[in-house]
N, C-alpha and C. Protein backbone atom coordinates (compact mmCIF):
# COMPACT_ATOMS: atom_id res chain seq x y z
N MET A 1 0.81 -1.20 0.00
CA MET A 1 0.00 0.00 0.00
C MET A 1 0.85 1.26 0.00
N LYS A 2 2.17 1.10 0.01
CA LYS A 2 3.05 2.26 0.07
C LYS A 2 2.84 3.16 -1.14
N HIS A 3 2.65 4.45 -0.89
CA HIS A 3 2.46 5.47 -1.92
C HIS A 3 1.23 5.20 -2.78
N GLN A 4 0.23 4.57 -2.20
CA GLN A 4 -0.99 4.26 -2.94
C GLN A 4 -2.18 4.92 -2.23
N LEU A 5 -3.08 5.47 -3.02
CA LEU A 5 -4.29 6.07 -2.47
C LEU A 5 -5.25 4.96 -2.06
N VAL A 6 -5.71 5.02 -0.82
CA VAL A 6 -6.63 4.02 -0.31
C VAL A 6 -7.82 4.72 0.35
N SER A 7 -8.90 3.99 0.47
CA SER A 7 -10.08 4.49 1.16
C SER A 7 -10.32 3.61 2.37
N LEU A 8 -10.43 4.22 3.52
CA LEU A 8 -10.71 3.50 4.75
C LEU A 8 -12.22 3.50 4.95
N LYS A 9 -12.80 2.33 5.07
CA LYS A 9 -14.25 2.21 5.22
C LYS A 9 -14.54 1.65 6.60
N ILE A 10 -15.37 2.36 7.34
CA ILE A 10 -15.67 1.97 8.71
C ILE A 10 -17.18 1.84 8.86
N ASP A 11 -17.59 0.74 9.48
CA ASP A 11 -19.01 0.50 9.70
C ASP A 11 -19.20 0.03 11.13
N CYS A 12 -20.20 0.55 11.79
CA CYS A 12 -20.49 0.17 13.17
C CYS A 12 -21.95 -0.28 13.27
N VAL A 13 -22.18 -1.27 14.10
CA VAL A 13 -23.53 -1.77 14.30
C VAL A 13 -23.73 -2.07 15.79
N THR A 14 -24.93 -1.79 16.27
CA THR A 14 -25.32 -2.14 17.63
C THR A 14 -26.59 -2.95 17.56
N ARG A 15 -26.56 -4.11 18.20
CA ARG A 15 -27.74 -4.96 18.20
C ARG A 15 -27.72 -5.84 19.44
N LEU A 16 -28.88 -5.88 20.10
CA LEU A 16 -29.05 -6.72 21.28
C LEU A 16 -27.96 -6.48 22.34
N GLY A 17 -27.64 -5.22 22.52
CA GLY A 17 -26.68 -4.85 23.56
C GLY A 17 -25.22 -5.04 23.18
N ARG A 18 -24.93 -5.42 21.94
CA ARG A 18 -23.55 -5.60 21.50
C ARG A 18 -23.24 -4.57 20.41
N ALA A 19 -22.03 -4.05 20.44
CA ALA A 19 -21.59 -3.09 19.43
C ALA A 19 -20.36 -3.67 18.73
N ILE A 20 -20.35 -3.60 17.39
CA ILE A 20 -19.25 -4.16 16.60
C ILE A 20 -18.81 -3.13 15.57
N ILE A 21 -17.51 -3.03 15.37
CA ILE A 21 -16.95 -2.13 14.36
C ILE A 21 -16.23 -2.98 13.31
N GLY A 22 -16.44 -2.63 12.04
CA GLY A 22 -15.73 -3.25 10.94
C GLY A 22 -14.85 -2.21 10.28
N ILE A 23 -13.61 -2.56 10.04
CA ILE A 23 -12.66 -1.63 9.42
C ILE A 23 -12.13 -2.28 8.14
N ASN A 24 -12.37 -1.63 7.00
CA ASN A 24 -12.00 -2.16 5.70
C ASN A 24 -11.12 -1.17 4.94
N LEU A 25 -10.30 -1.71 4.07
CA LEU A 25 -9.42 -0.91 3.22
C LEU A 25 -9.82 -1.16 1.77
N GLN A 26 -10.06 -0.10 1.02
CA GLN A 26 -10.44 -0.22 -0.39
C GLN A 26 -9.39 0.48 -1.23
N PHE A 27 -8.98 -0.18 -2.33
CA PHE A 27 -7.97 0.40 -3.19
C PHE A 27 -8.16 -0.12 -4.62
N VAL A 28 -7.52 0.55 -5.57
CA VAL A 28 -7.59 0.15 -6.98
C VAL A 28 -6.25 -0.43 -7.38
N ARG A 29 -6.29 -1.62 -7.99
CA ARG A 29 -5.08 -2.26 -8.51
C ARG A 29 -5.44 -2.93 -9.83
N ASP A 30 -4.65 -2.68 -10.84
CA ASP A 30 -4.88 -3.25 -12.17
C ASP A 30 -6.28 -2.91 -12.69
N GLY A 31 -6.74 -1.70 -12.39
CA GLY A 31 -8.03 -1.23 -12.89
C GLY A 31 -9.24 -1.83 -12.18
N ARG A 32 -9.01 -2.57 -11.11
CA ARG A 32 -10.12 -3.19 -10.36
C ARG A 32 -10.12 -2.70 -8.92
N ILE A 33 -11.30 -2.57 -8.35
CA ILE A 33 -11.44 -2.17 -6.94
C ILE A 33 -11.29 -3.41 -6.07
N HIS A 34 -10.44 -3.30 -5.06
CA HIS A 34 -10.22 -4.38 -4.11
C HIS A 34 -10.63 -3.92 -2.72
N LEU A 35 -11.16 -4.82 -1.94
CA LEU A 35 -11.58 -4.52 -0.57
C LEU A 35 -10.97 -5.56 0.36
N ARG A 36 -10.31 -5.12 1.40
CA ARG A 36 -9.71 -6.01 2.38
C ARG A 36 -10.24 -5.65 3.76
N THR A 37 -10.72 -6.63 4.46
CA THR A 37 -11.18 -6.42 5.84
C THR A 37 -9.98 -6.49 6.76
N LEU A 38 -9.77 -5.41 7.51
CA LEU A 38 -8.64 -5.36 8.44
C LEU A 38 -9.05 -5.83 9.84
N ALA A 39 -10.29 -5.54 10.23
CA ALA A 39 -10.73 -5.93 11.57
C ALA A 39 -12.25 -5.93 11.67
N ILE A 40 -12.74 -6.86 12.45
CA ILE A 40 -14.13 -6.86 12.90
C ILE A 40 -14.03 -7.11 14.40
N THR A 41 -14.33 -6.08 15.17
CA THR A 41 -14.05 -6.11 16.60
C THR A 41 -15.26 -5.68 17.41
N GLU A 42 -15.51 -6.39 18.49
CA GLU A 42 -16.57 -5.97 19.40
C GLU A 42 -16.08 -4.81 20.25
N ILE A 43 -16.92 -3.81 20.38
CA ILE A 43 -16.58 -2.61 21.15
C ILE A 43 -17.02 -2.84 22.58
N ASP A 44 -16.05 -2.89 23.49
CA ASP A 44 -16.38 -3.16 24.88
C ASP A 44 -16.10 -1.98 25.80
N LYS A 45 -15.64 -0.86 25.22
CA LYS A 45 -15.30 0.31 26.03
C LYS A 45 -16.30 1.44 25.90
N GLY A 46 -17.40 1.22 25.20
CA GLY A 46 -18.38 2.29 25.03
C GLY A 46 -18.37 2.85 23.63
N ASN A 47 -19.53 3.29 23.17
CA ASN A 47 -19.69 3.84 21.82
C ASN A 47 -19.36 5.33 21.81
N THR A 48 -18.09 5.65 21.85
CA THR A 48 -17.68 7.05 21.79
C THR A 48 -16.75 7.25 20.60
N GLY A 49 -16.71 8.45 20.10
CA GLY A 49 -15.83 8.78 18.99
C GLY A 49 -14.38 8.52 19.33
N GLU A 50 -13.98 8.81 20.55
CA GLU A 50 -12.59 8.59 20.96
C GLU A 50 -12.25 7.10 20.94
N ASN A 51 -13.16 6.24 21.38
CA ASN A 51 -12.91 4.80 21.34
C ASN A 51 -12.82 4.29 19.90
N TYR A 52 -13.69 4.80 19.02
CA TYR A 52 -13.61 4.43 17.61
C TYR A 52 -12.27 4.85 17.03
N ARG A 53 -11.87 6.06 17.32
CA ARG A 53 -10.60 6.59 16.80
C ARG A 53 -9.44 5.70 17.24
N THR A 54 -9.41 5.35 18.51
CA THR A 54 -8.34 4.51 19.04
C THR A 54 -8.31 3.14 18.36
N MET A 55 -9.49 2.55 18.16
CA MET A 55 -9.56 1.23 17.52
C MET A 55 -9.08 1.29 16.07
N VAL A 56 -9.44 2.34 15.36
CA VAL A 56 -9.02 2.48 13.97
C VAL A 56 -7.51 2.69 13.90
N LEU A 57 -6.97 3.58 14.70
CA LEU A 57 -5.53 3.83 14.68
C LEU A 57 -4.73 2.61 15.11
N ASP A 58 -5.22 1.86 16.10
CA ASP A 58 -4.54 0.63 16.53
C ASP A 58 -4.54 -0.40 15.41
N THR A 59 -5.64 -0.51 14.68
CA THR A 59 -5.72 -1.46 13.57
C THR A 59 -4.76 -1.06 12.45
N LEU A 60 -4.70 0.22 12.12
CA LEU A 60 -3.77 0.68 11.09
C LEU A 60 -2.33 0.40 11.49
N ARG A 61 -2.00 0.64 12.75
CA ARG A 61 -0.65 0.37 13.24
C ARG A 61 -0.32 -1.12 13.14
N LEU A 62 -1.29 -1.97 13.44
CA LEU A 62 -1.11 -3.41 13.38
C LEU A 62 -0.66 -3.86 11.99
N TYR A 63 -1.17 -3.19 10.95
CA TYR A 63 -0.84 -3.51 9.57
C TYR A 63 0.29 -2.64 9.01
N GLY A 64 0.85 -1.77 9.84
CA GLY A 64 1.94 -0.91 9.38
C GLY A 64 1.49 0.19 8.44
N LEU A 65 0.23 0.59 8.52
CA LEU A 65 -0.31 1.65 7.66
C LEU A 65 -0.25 2.98 8.40
N LYS A 66 0.14 4.02 7.68
CA LYS A 66 0.23 5.36 8.26
C LYS A 66 -0.79 6.27 7.60
N LEU A 67 -1.19 7.33 8.30
CA LEU A 67 -2.19 8.26 7.78
C LEU A 67 -1.61 9.29 6.80
N GLU A 68 -0.33 9.27 6.59
CA GLU A 68 0.33 10.27 5.74
C GLU A 68 -0.03 10.10 4.29
């Protein structure tokens, strides 16, 4: 993914008292759109923007991806 434009796709769902976040990476290679799921994680610290931010940044770090 180095020097490549990517789209980070984030989806959150709450159902029956459980909250889950999905973090996906979308990019174009060889003229085709590719989608890779980086994480599907249950949120156990509360549904706050700060918790979402931390989970996304931790996931990006896990894969060695930077926001630059």
